[in-house]
Amino acid sequence: MAELARHMKQQTKQLQFMNSQIEARAARSSNIVLRNQMMQAKTSANYQTEYDRIRNHLANNIVPHTTKEKVKGRKRELEALGARAIDTIV
């Protein structure tokens, strides 16, 4: 009988350990997903901020022609990366 009780106790410990491992993996996986979402949001916000800065810069019309072309090129790059055009500029 003592042998059976010892064996049952060992199996219970193994199951508890396996459950804790499964929970740890699930938590790690959800943390990775959350981090990736936060990084994507941060990247999009950075692109949008730079896009807005360029849009405002172009709106002033005091930029020399060559600089204006460079800014327009960067604007197109940001649009390709996912920045949203709020209004039509230039």
PDB file of N, CA and C in Angstrom:
ATOM      1  N   MET A   1       0.815  -1.195   0.000  1.00  0.00           N
ATOM      2  CA  MET A   1       0.000   0.000   0.000  1.00  0.00           C
ATOM      3  C   MET A   1       0.856   1.256   0.000  1.00  0.00           C
ATOM      4  N   ALA A   2       1.898   1.282   0.776  1.00  0.00           N
ATOM      5  CA  ALA A   2       2.780   2.444   0.848  1.00  0.00           C
ATOM      6  C   ALA A   2       3.415   2.698  -0.519  1.00  0.00           C
ATOM      7  N   GLU A   3       3.730   1.627  -1.217  1.00  0.00           N
ATOM      8  CA  GLU A   3       4.319   1.749  -2.557  1.00  0.00           C
ATOM      9  C   GLU A   3       3.345   2.433  -3.521  1.00  0.00           C
ATOM     10  N   LEU A   4       2.079   2.044  -3.436  1.00  0.00           N
ATOM     11  CA  LEU A   4       1.037   2.623  -4.293  1.00  0.00           C
ATOM     12  C   LEU A   4       0.836   4.108  -3.975  1.00  0.00           C
ATOM     13  N   ALA A   5       0.819   4.467  -2.710  1.00  0.00           N
ATOM     14  CA  ALA A   5       0.639   5.857  -2.309  1.00  0.00           C
ATOM     15  C   ALA A   5       1.818   6.705  -2.786  1.00  0.00           C
ATOM     16  N   ARG A   6       3.031   6.158  -2.680  1.00  0.00           N
ATOM     17  CA  ARG A   6       4.225   6.872  -3.123  1.00  0.00           C
ATOM     18  C   ARG A   6       4.187   7.094  -4.640  1.00  0.00           C
ATOM     19  N   HIS A   7       3.748   6.079  -5.354  1.00  0.00           N
ATOM     20  CA  HIS A   7       3.646   6.169  -6.815  1.00  0.00           C
ATOM     21  C   HIS A   7       2.595   7.207  -7.231  1.00  0.00           C
ATOM     22  N   MET A   8       1.460   7.232  -6.531  1.00  0.00           N
ATOM     23  CA  MET A   8       0.409   8.207  -6.831  1.00  0.00           C
ATOM     24  C   MET A   8       0.892   9.633  -6.546  1.00  0.00           C
ATOM     25  N   LYS A   9       1.626   9.795  -5.466  1.00  0.00           N
ATOM     26  CA  LYS A   9       2.150  11.104  -5.109  1.00  0.00           C
ATOM     27  C   LYS A   9       3.144  11.586  -6.165  1.00  0.00           C
ATOM     28  N   GLN A  10       3.968  10.673  -6.658  1.00  0.00           N
ATOM     29  CA  GLN A  10       4.940  11.015  -7.692  1.00  0.00           C
ATOM     30  C   GLN A  10       4.228  11.424  -8.997  1.00  0.00           C
ATOM     31  N   GLN A  11       3.183  10.688  -9.359  1.00  0.00           N
ATOM     32  CA  GLN A  11       2.433  11.023 -10.563  1.00  0.00           C
ATOM     33  C   GLN A  11       1.747  12.386 -10.429  1.00  0.00           C
ATOM     34  N   THR A  12       1.239  12.664  -9.241  1.00  0.00           N
ATOM     35  CA  THR A  12       0.596  13.960  -8.999  1.00  0.00           C
ATOM     36  C   THR A  12       1.605  15.091  -9.162  1.00  0.00           C
ATOM     37  N   LYS A  13       2.806  14.918  -8.633  1.00  0.00           N
ATOM     38  CA  LYS A  13       3.847  15.929  -8.773  1.00  0.00           C
ATOM     39  C   LYS A  13       4.231  16.120 -10.241  1.00  0.00           C
ATOM     40  N   GLN A  14       4.308  15.010 -10.985  1.00  0.00           N
ATOM     41  CA  GLN A  14       4.642  15.111 -12.401  1.00  0.00           C
ATOM     42  C   GLN A  14       3.566  15.889 -13.167  1.00  0.00           C
ATOM     43  N   LEU A  15       2.309  15.621 -12.865  1.00  0.00           N
ATOM     44  CA  LEU A  15       1.219  16.335 -13.521  1.00  0.00           C
ATOM     45  C   LEU A  15       1.233  17.815 -13.175  1.00  0.00           C
ATOM     46  N   GLN A  16       1.508  18.129 -11.917  1.00  0.00           N
ATOM     47  CA  GLN A  16       1.588  19.530 -11.515  1.00  0.00           C
ATOM     48  C   GLN A  16       2.730  20.234 -12.238  1.00  0.00           C
ATOM     49  N   PHE A  17       3.863  19.568 -12.359  1.00  0.00           N
ATOM     50  CA  PHE A  17       5.001  20.138 -13.062  1.00  0.00           C
ATOM     51  C   PHE A  17       4.674  20.364 -14.534  1.00  0.00           C
ATOM     52  N   MET A  18       4.039  19.376 -15.165  1.00  0.00           N
ATOM     53  CA  MET A  18       3.670  19.508 -16.576  1.00  0.00           C
ATOM     54  C   MET A  18       2.675  20.660 -16.774  1.00  0.00           C
ATOM     55  N   ASN A  19       1.715  20.784 -15.868  1.00  0.00           N
ATOM     56  CA  ASN A  19       0.752  21.893 -15.955  1.00  0.00           C
ATOM     57  C   ASN A  19       1.445  23.246 -15.809  1.00  0.00           C
ATOM     58  N   SER A  20       2.385  23.327 -14.891  1.00  0.00           N
ATOM     59  CA  SER A  20       3.105  24.599 -14.719  1.00  0.00           C
ATOM     60  C   SER A  20       3.935  24.921 -15.959  1.00  0.00           C
ATOM     61  N   GLN A  21       4.518  23.913 -16.601  1.00  0.00           N
ATOM     62  CA  GLN A  21       5.278  24.128 -17.837  1.00  0.00           C
ATOM     63  C   GLN A  21       4.373  24.609 -18.966  1.00  0.00           C
ATOM     64  N   ILE A  22       3.195  24.017 -19.082  1.00  0.00           N
ATOM     65  CA  ILE A  22       2.236  24.422 -20.115  1.00  0.00           C
ATOM     66  C   ILE A  22       1.794  25.865 -19.894  1.00  0.00           C
ATOM     67  N   GLU A  23       1.497  26.221 -18.650  1.00  0.00           N
ATOM     68  CA  GLU A  23       1.087  27.588 -18.333  1.00  0.00           C
ATOM     69  C   GLU A  23       2.210  28.584 -18.616  1.00  0.00           C
ATOM     70  N   ALA A  24       3.443  28.201 -18.298  1.00  0.00           N
ATOM     71  CA  ALA A  24       4.589  29.088 -18.545  1.00  0.00           C
ATOM     72  C   ALA A  24       4.775  29.312 -20.040  1.00  0.00           C
ATOM     73  N   ARG A  25       4.644  28.263 -20.825  1.00  0.00           N
ATOM     74  CA  ARG A  25       4.781  28.402 -22.282  1.00  0.00           C
ATOM     75  C   ARG A  25       3.668  29.275 -22.854  1.00  0.00           C
ATOM     76  N   ALA A  26       2.456  29.104 -22.359  1.00  0.00           N
ATOM     77  CA  ALA A  26       1.332  29.918 -22.839  1.00  0.00           C
ATOM     78  C   ALA A  26       1.556  31.389 -22.486  1.00  0.00           C
ATOM     79  N   ALA A  27       2.027  31.652 -21.278  1.00  0.00           N
ATOM     80  CA  ALA A  27       2.292  33.031 -20.855  1.00  0.00           C
ATOM     81  C   ALA A  27       3.406  33.639 -21.700  1.00  0.00           C
ATOM     82  N   ARG A  28       4.456  32.880 -21.955  1.00  0.00           N
ATOM     83  CA  ARG A  28       5.577  33.361 -22.763  1.00  0.00           C
ATOM     84  C   ARG A  28       5.099  33.673 -24.183  1.00  0.00           C
ATOM     85  N   SER A  29       4.274  32.803 -24.721  1.00  0.00           N
ATOM     86  CA  SER A  29       3.745  33.008 -26.068  1.00  0.00           C
ATOM     87  C   SER A  29       2.879  34.259 -26.138  1.00  0.00           C
ATOM     88  N   SER A  30       2.007  34.454 -25.166  1.00  0.00           N
ATOM     89  CA  SER A  30       1.153  35.645 -25.173  1.00  0.00           C
ATOM     90  C   SER A  30       1.982  36.917 -24.971  1.00  0.00           C
ATOM     91  N   ASN A  31       3.048  36.841 -24.180  1.00  0.00           N
ATOM     92  CA  ASN A  31       3.930  37.995 -23.996  1.00  0.00           C
ATOM     93  C   ASN A  31       4.636  38.369 -25.296  1.00  0.00           C
ATOM     94  N   ILE A  32       5.043  37.366 -26.054  1.00  0.00           N
ATOM     95  CA  ILE A  32       5.706  37.620 -27.336  1.00  0.00           C
ATOM     96  C   ILE A  32       4.739  38.290 -28.300  1.00  0.00           C
ATOM     97  N   VAL A  33       3.509  37.794 -28.355  1.00  0.00           N
ATOM     98  CA  VAL A  33       2.501  38.381 -29.236  1.00  0.00           C
ATOM     99  C   VAL A  33       2.226  39.831 -28.834  1.00  0.00           C
ATOM    100  N   LEU A  34       2.071  40.074 -27.548  1.00  0.00           N
ATOM    101  CA  LEU A  34       1.819  41.423 -27.052  1.00  0.00           C
ATOM    102  C   LEU A  34       2.979  42.359 -27.386  1.00  0.00           C
ATOM    103  N   ARG A  35       4.191  41.894 -27.196  1.00  0.00           N
ATOM    104  CA  ARG A  35       5.366  42.718 -27.498  1.00  0.00           C
ATOM    105  C   ARG A  35       5.416  43.049 -28.984  1.00  0.00           C
ATOM    106  N   ASN A  36       5.151  42.062 -29.833  1.00  0.00           N
ATOM    107  CA  ASN A  36       5.167  42.316 -31.272  1.00  0.00           C
ATOM    108  C   ASN A  36       4.102  43.338 -31.671  1.00  0.00           C
ATOM    109  N   GLN A  37       2.936  43.252 -31.059  1.00  0.00           N
ATOM    110  CA  GLN A  37       1.878  44.218 -31.352  1.00  0.00           C
ATOM    111  C   GLN A  37       2.293  45.623 -30.909  1.00  0.00           C
ATOM    112  N   MET A  38       2.907  45.722 -29.742  1.00  0.00           N
ATOM    113  CA  MET A  38       3.352  47.024 -29.244  1.00  0.00           C
ATOM    114  C   MET A  38       4.439  47.604 -30.133  1.00  0.00           C
ATOM    115  N   MET A  39       5.376  46.774 -30.591  1.00  0.00           N
ATOM    116  CA  MET A  39       6.447  47.236 -31.464  1.00  0.00           C
ATOM    117  C   MET A  39       5.881  47.705 -32.807  1.00  0.00           C
ATOM    118  N   GLN A  40       4.893  46.978 -33.339  1.00  0.00           N
ATOM    119  CA  GLN A  40       4.265  47.375 -34.598  1.00  0.00           C
ATOM    120  C   GLN A  40       3.543  48.717 -34.440  1.00  0.00           C
ATOM    121  N   ALA A  41       2.833  48.882 -33.335  1.00  0.00           N
ATOM    122  CA  ALA A  41       2.135  50.138 -33.083  1.00  0.00           C
ATOM    123  C   ALA A  41       3.132  51.294 -32.952  1.00  0.00           C
ATOM    124  N   LYS A  42       4.239  51.048 -32.273  1.00  0.00           N
ATOM    125  CA  LYS A  42       5.268  52.077 -32.104  1.00  0.00           C
ATOM    126  C   LYS A  42       5.879  52.455 -33.452  1.00  0.00           C
ATOM    127  N   THR A  43       6.172  51.462 -34.282  1.00  0.00           N
ATOM    128  CA  THR A  43       6.747  51.721 -35.602  1.00  0.00           C
ATOM    129  C   THR A  43       5.782  52.516 -36.466  1.00  0.00           C
ATOM    130  N   SER A  44       4.516  52.122 -36.451  1.00  0.00           N
ATOM    131  CA  SER A  44       3.509  52.848 -37.229  1.00  0.00           C
ATOM    132  C   SER A  44       3.373  54.285 -36.746  1.00  0.00           C
ATOM    133  N   ALA A  45       3.398  54.470 -35.444  1.00  0.00           N
ATOM    134  CA  ALA A  45       3.292  55.825 -34.883  1.00  0.00           C
ATOM    135  C   ALA A  45       4.502  56.674 -35.290  1.00  0.00           C
ATOM    136  N   ASN A  46       5.679  56.070 -35.299  1.00  0.00           N
ATOM    137  CA  ASN A  46       6.880  56.805 -35.709  1.00  0.00           C
ATOM    138  C   ASN A  46       6.785  57.229 -37.179  1.00  0.00           C
ATOM    139  N   TYR A  47       6.346  56.298 -38.032  1.00  0.00           N
ATOM    140  CA  TYR A  47       6.181  56.630 -39.449  1.00  0.00           C
ATOM    141  C   TYR A  47       5.151  57.735 -39.624  1.00  0.00           C
ATOM    142  N   GLN A  48       4.055  57.629 -38.883  1.00  0.00           N
ATOM    143  CA  GLN A  48       2.995  58.627 -39.003  1.00  0.00           C
ATOM    144  C   GLN A  48       3.483  59.995 -38.537  1.00  0.00           C
ATOM    145  N   THR A  49       4.252  60.031 -37.463  1.00  0.00           N
ATOM    146  CA  THR A  49       4.792  61.287 -36.949  1.00  0.00           C
ATOM    147  C   THR A  49       5.728  61.932 -37.970  1.00  0.00           C
ATOM    148  N   GLU A  50       6.605  61.135 -38.540  1.00  0.00           N
ATOM    149  CA  GLU A  50       7.516  61.681 -39.539  1.00  0.00           C
ATOM    150  C   GLU A  50       6.748  62.145 -40.771  1.00  0.00           C
ATOM    151  N   TYR A  51       5.747  61.391 -41.180  1.00  0.00           N
ATOM    152  CA  TYR A  51       4.917  61.765 -42.321  1.00  0.00           C
ATOM    153  C   TYR A  51       4.223  63.106 -42.054  1.00  0.00           C
ATOM    154  N   ASP A  52       3.670  63.251 -40.863  1.00  0.00           N
ATOM    155  CA  ASP A  52       3.002  64.505 -40.504  1.00  0.00           C
ATOM    156  C   ASP A  52       3.990  65.680 -40.486  1.00  0.00           C
ATOM    157  N   ARG A  53       5.190  65.436 -40.003  1.00  0.00           N
ATOM    158  CA  ARG A  53       6.215  66.480 -39.972  1.00  0.00           C
ATOM    159  C   ARG A  53       6.555  66.916 -41.392  1.00  0.00           C
ATOM    160  N   ILE A  54       6.728  65.954 -42.284  1.00  0.00           N
ATOM    161  CA  ILE A  54       7.048  66.283 -43.679  1.00  0.00           C
ATOM    162  C   ILE A  54       5.882  67.014 -44.336  1.00  0.00           C
ATOM    163  N   ARG A  55       4.682  66.570 -44.061  1.00  0.00           N
ATOM    164  CA  ARG A  55       3.496  67.219 -44.631  1.00  0.00           C
ATOM    165  C   ARG A  55       3.428  68.679 -44.193  1.00  0.00           C
ATOM    166  N   ASN A  56       3.662  68.933 -42.923  1.00  0.00           N
ATOM    167  CA  ASN A  56       3.655  70.308 -42.422  1.00  0.00           C
ATOM    168  C   ASN A  56       4.796  71.123 -43.023  1.00  0.00           C
ATOM    169  N   HIS A  57       5.936  70.488 -43.194  1.00  0.00           N
ATOM    170  CA  HIS A  57       7.090  71.163 -43.780  1.00  0.00           C
ATOM    171  C   HIS A  57       6.792  71.574 -45.215  1.00  0.00           C
ATOM    172  N   LEU A  58       6.149  70.698 -45.968  1.00  0.00           N
ATOM    173  CA  LEU A  58       5.807  71.015 -47.351  1.00  0.00           C
ATOM    174  C   LEU A  58       4.726  72.086 -47.443  1.00  0.00           C
ATOM    175  N   ALA A  59       3.868  72.145 -46.473  1.00  0.00           N
ATOM    176  CA  ALA A  59       2.765  73.101 -46.497  1.00  0.00           C
ATOM    177  C   ALA A  59       3.252  74.538 -46.368  1.00  0.00           C
ATOM    178  N   ASN A  60       4.422  74.747 -45.798  1.00  0.00           N
ATOM    179  CA  ASN A  60       4.931  76.104 -45.597  1.00  0.00           C
ATOM    180  C   ASN A  60       5.428  76.755 -46.890  1.00  0.00           C
ATOM    181  N   ASN A  61       5.783  75.967 -47.897  1.00  0.00           N
ATOM    182  CA  ASN A  61       6.208  76.447 -49.212  1.00  0.00           C
ATOM    183  C   ASN A  61       7.403  77.384 -49.187  1.00  0.00           C
ATOM    184  N   ILE A  62       8.220  77.339 -48.164  1.00  0.00           N
ATOM    185  CA  ILE A  62       9.426  78.160 -48.153  1.00  0.00           C
ATOM    186  C   ILE A  62      10.659  77.272 -48.338  1.00  0.00           C
ATOM    187  N   VAL A  63      10.427  76.058 -48.782  1.00  0.00           N
ATOM    188  CA  VAL A  63      11.505  75.089 -48.956  1.00  0.00           C
ATOM    189  C   VAL A  63      12.090  75.238 -50.361  1.00  0.00           C
ATOM    190  N   PRO A  64      13.396  75.245 -50.511  1.00  0.00           N
ATOM    191  CA  PRO A  64      13.992  75.278 -51.853  1.00  0.00           C
ATOM    192  C   PRO A  64      13.561  74.062 -52.671  1.00  0.00           C
ATOM    193  N   HIS A  65      13.635  74.197 -53.988  1.00  0.00           N
ATOM    194  CA  HIS A  65      13.126  73.168 -54.895  1.00  0.00           C
ATOM    195  C   HIS A  65      13.789  71.806 -54.678  1.00  0.00           C
ATOM    196  N   THR A  66      15.105  71.756 -54.536  1.00  0.00           N
ATOM    197  CA  THR A  66      15.790  70.465 -54.389  1.00  0.00           C
ATOM    198  C   THR A  66      15.401  69.788 -53.079  1.00  0.00           C
ATOM    199  N   THR A  67      15.332  70.566 -52.013  1.00  0.00           N
ATOM    200  CA  THR A  67      14.930  69.996 -50.725  1.00  0.00           C
ATOM    201  C   THR A  67      13.492  69.509 -50.808  1.00  0.00           C
ATOM    202  N   LYS A  68      12.675  70.234 -51.514  1.00  0.00           N
ATOM    203  CA  LYS A  68      11.269  69.856 -51.653  1.00  0.00           C
ATOM    204  C   LYS A  68      11.143  68.502 -52.350  1.00  0.00           C
ATOM    205  N   GLU A  69      11.959  68.261 -53.350  1.00  0.00           N
ATOM    206  CA  GLU A  69      11.935  66.977 -54.049  1.00  0.00           C
ATOM    207  C   GLU A  69      12.380  65.841 -53.127  1.00  0.00           C
ATOM    208  N   LYS A  70      13.392  66.095 -52.313  1.00  0.00           N
ATOM    209  CA  LYS A  70      13.855  65.077 -51.359  1.00  0.00           C
ATOM    210  C   LYS A  70      12.756  64.759 -50.342  1.00  0.00           C
ATOM    211  N   VAL A  71      12.083  65.798 -49.875  1.00  0.00           N
ATOM    212  CA  VAL A  71      11.011  65.608 -48.893  1.00  0.00           C
ATOM    213  C   VAL A  71       9.856  64.833 -49.534  1.00  0.00           C
ATOM    214  N   LYS A  72       9.532  65.154 -50.782  1.00  0.00           N
ATOM    215  CA  LYS A  72       8.472  64.415 -51.479  1.00  0.00           C
ATOM    216  C   LYS A  72       8.846  62.941 -51.634  1.00  0.00           C
ATOM    217  N   GLY A  73      10.124  62.682 -51.935  1.00  0.00           N
ATOM    218  CA  GLY A  73      10.592  61.292 -52.050  1.00  0.00           C
ATOM    219  C   GLY A  73      10.451  60.547 -50.736  1.00  0.00           C
ATOM    220  N   ARG A  74      10.820  61.189 -49.645  1.00  0.00           N
ATOM    221  CA  ARG A  74      10.694  60.551 -48.321  1.00  0.00           C
ATOM    222  C   ARG A  74       9.233  60.320 -47.988  1.00  0.00           C
ATOM    223  N   LYS A  75       8.368  61.265 -48.390  1.00  0.00           N
ATOM    224  CA  LYS A  75       6.923  61.113 -48.171  1.00  0.00           C
ATOM    225  C   LYS A  75       6.413  59.864 -48.874  1.00  0.00           C
ATOM    226  N   ARG A  76       6.848  59.656 -50.115  1.00  0.00           N
ATOM    227  CA  ARG A  76       6.431  58.458 -50.859  1.00  0.00           C
ATOM    228  C   ARG A  76       6.933  57.184 -50.175  1.00  0.00           C
ATOM    229  N   GLU A  77       8.171  57.219 -49.665  1.00  0.00           N
ATOM    230  CA  GLU A  77       8.711  56.056 -48.953  1.00  0.00           C
ATOM    231  C   GLU A  77       7.879  55.739 -47.720  1.00  0.00           C
ATOM    232  N   LEU A  78       7.510  56.773 -46.967  1.00  0.00           N
ATOM    233  CA  LEU A  78       6.711  56.567 -45.756  1.00  0.00           C
ATOM    234  C   LEU A  78       5.327  56.028 -46.101  1.00  0.00           C
ATOM    235  N   GLU A  79       4.758  56.522 -47.190  1.00  0.00           N
ATOM    236  CA  GLU A  79       3.460  55.992 -47.608  1.00  0.00           C
ATOM    237  C   GLU A  79       3.579  54.514 -47.949  1.00  0.00           C
ATOM    238  N   ALA A  80       4.689  54.138 -48.584  1.00  0.00           N
ATOM    239  CA  ALA A  80       4.902  52.733 -48.918  1.00  0.00           C
ATOM    240  C   ALA A  80       5.073  51.893 -47.661  1.00  0.00           C
ATOM    241  N   LEU A  81       5.619  52.493 -46.599  1.00  0.00           N
ATOM    242  CA  LEU A  81       5.818  51.775 -45.346  1.00  0.00           C
ATOM    243  C   LEU A  81       4.554  51.713 -44.496  1.00  0.00           C
ATOM    244  N   GLY A  82       3.515  52.457 -44.889  1.00  0.00           N
ATOM    245  CA  GLY A  82       2.254  52.344 -44.180  1.00  0.00           C
ATOM    246  C   GLY A  82       1.723  53.604 -43.554  1.00  0.00           C
ATOM    247  N   ALA A  83       2.384  54.730 -43.713  1.00  0.00           N
ATOM    248  CA  ALA A  83       1.848  55.974 -43.157  1.00  0.00           C
ATOM    249  C   ALA A  83       0.590  56.350 -43.942  1.00  0.00           C
ATOM    250  N   ARG A  84      -0.392  56.870 -43.258  1.00  0.00           N
ATOM    251  CA  ARG A  84      -1.647  57.235 -43.898  1.00  0.00           C
ATOM    252  C   ARG A  84      -1.637  58.701 -44.288  1.00  0.00           C
ATOM    253  N   ALA A  85      -2.073  58.967 -45.496  1.00  0.00           N
ATOM    254  CA  ALA A  85      -2.197  60.346 -45.953  1.00  0.00           C
ATOM    255  C   ALA A  85      -3.537  60.876 -45.458  1.00  0.00           C
ATOM    256  N   ILE A  86      -3.491  61.926 -44.647  1.00  0.00           N
ATOM    257  CA  ILE A  86      -4.713  62.466 -44.070  1.00  0.00           C
ATOM    258  C   ILE A  86      -5.394  63.408 -45.068  1.00  0.00           C
ATOM    259  N   ASP A  87      -4.595  64.201 -45.741  1.00  0.00           N
ATOM    260  CA  ASP A  87      -5.157  65.083 -46.755  1.00  0.00           C
ATOM    261  C   ASP A  87      -4.207  65.109 -47.943  1.00  0.00           C
ATOM    262  N   THR A  88      -4.651  65.704 -49.019  1.00  0.00           N
ATOM    263  CA  THR A  88      -3.821  65.779 -50.213  1.00  0.00           C
ATOM    264  C   THR A  88      -2.864  66.948 -50.055  1.00  0.00           C
ATOM    265  N   ILE A  89      -1.580  66.654 -50.195  1.00  0.00           N
ATOM    266  CA  ILE A  89      -0.585  67.716 -50.096  1.00  0.00           C
ATOM    267  C   ILE A  89       0.242  67.704 -51.365  1.00  0.00           C
ATOM    268  N   VAL A  90       0.656  68.847 -51.765  1.00  0.00           N
ATOM    269  CA  VAL A  90       1.513  69.088 -52.922  1.00  0.00           C
ATOM    270  C   VAL A  90       0.954  68.505 -54.189  1.00  0.00           C
TER     271      VAL A  90
END
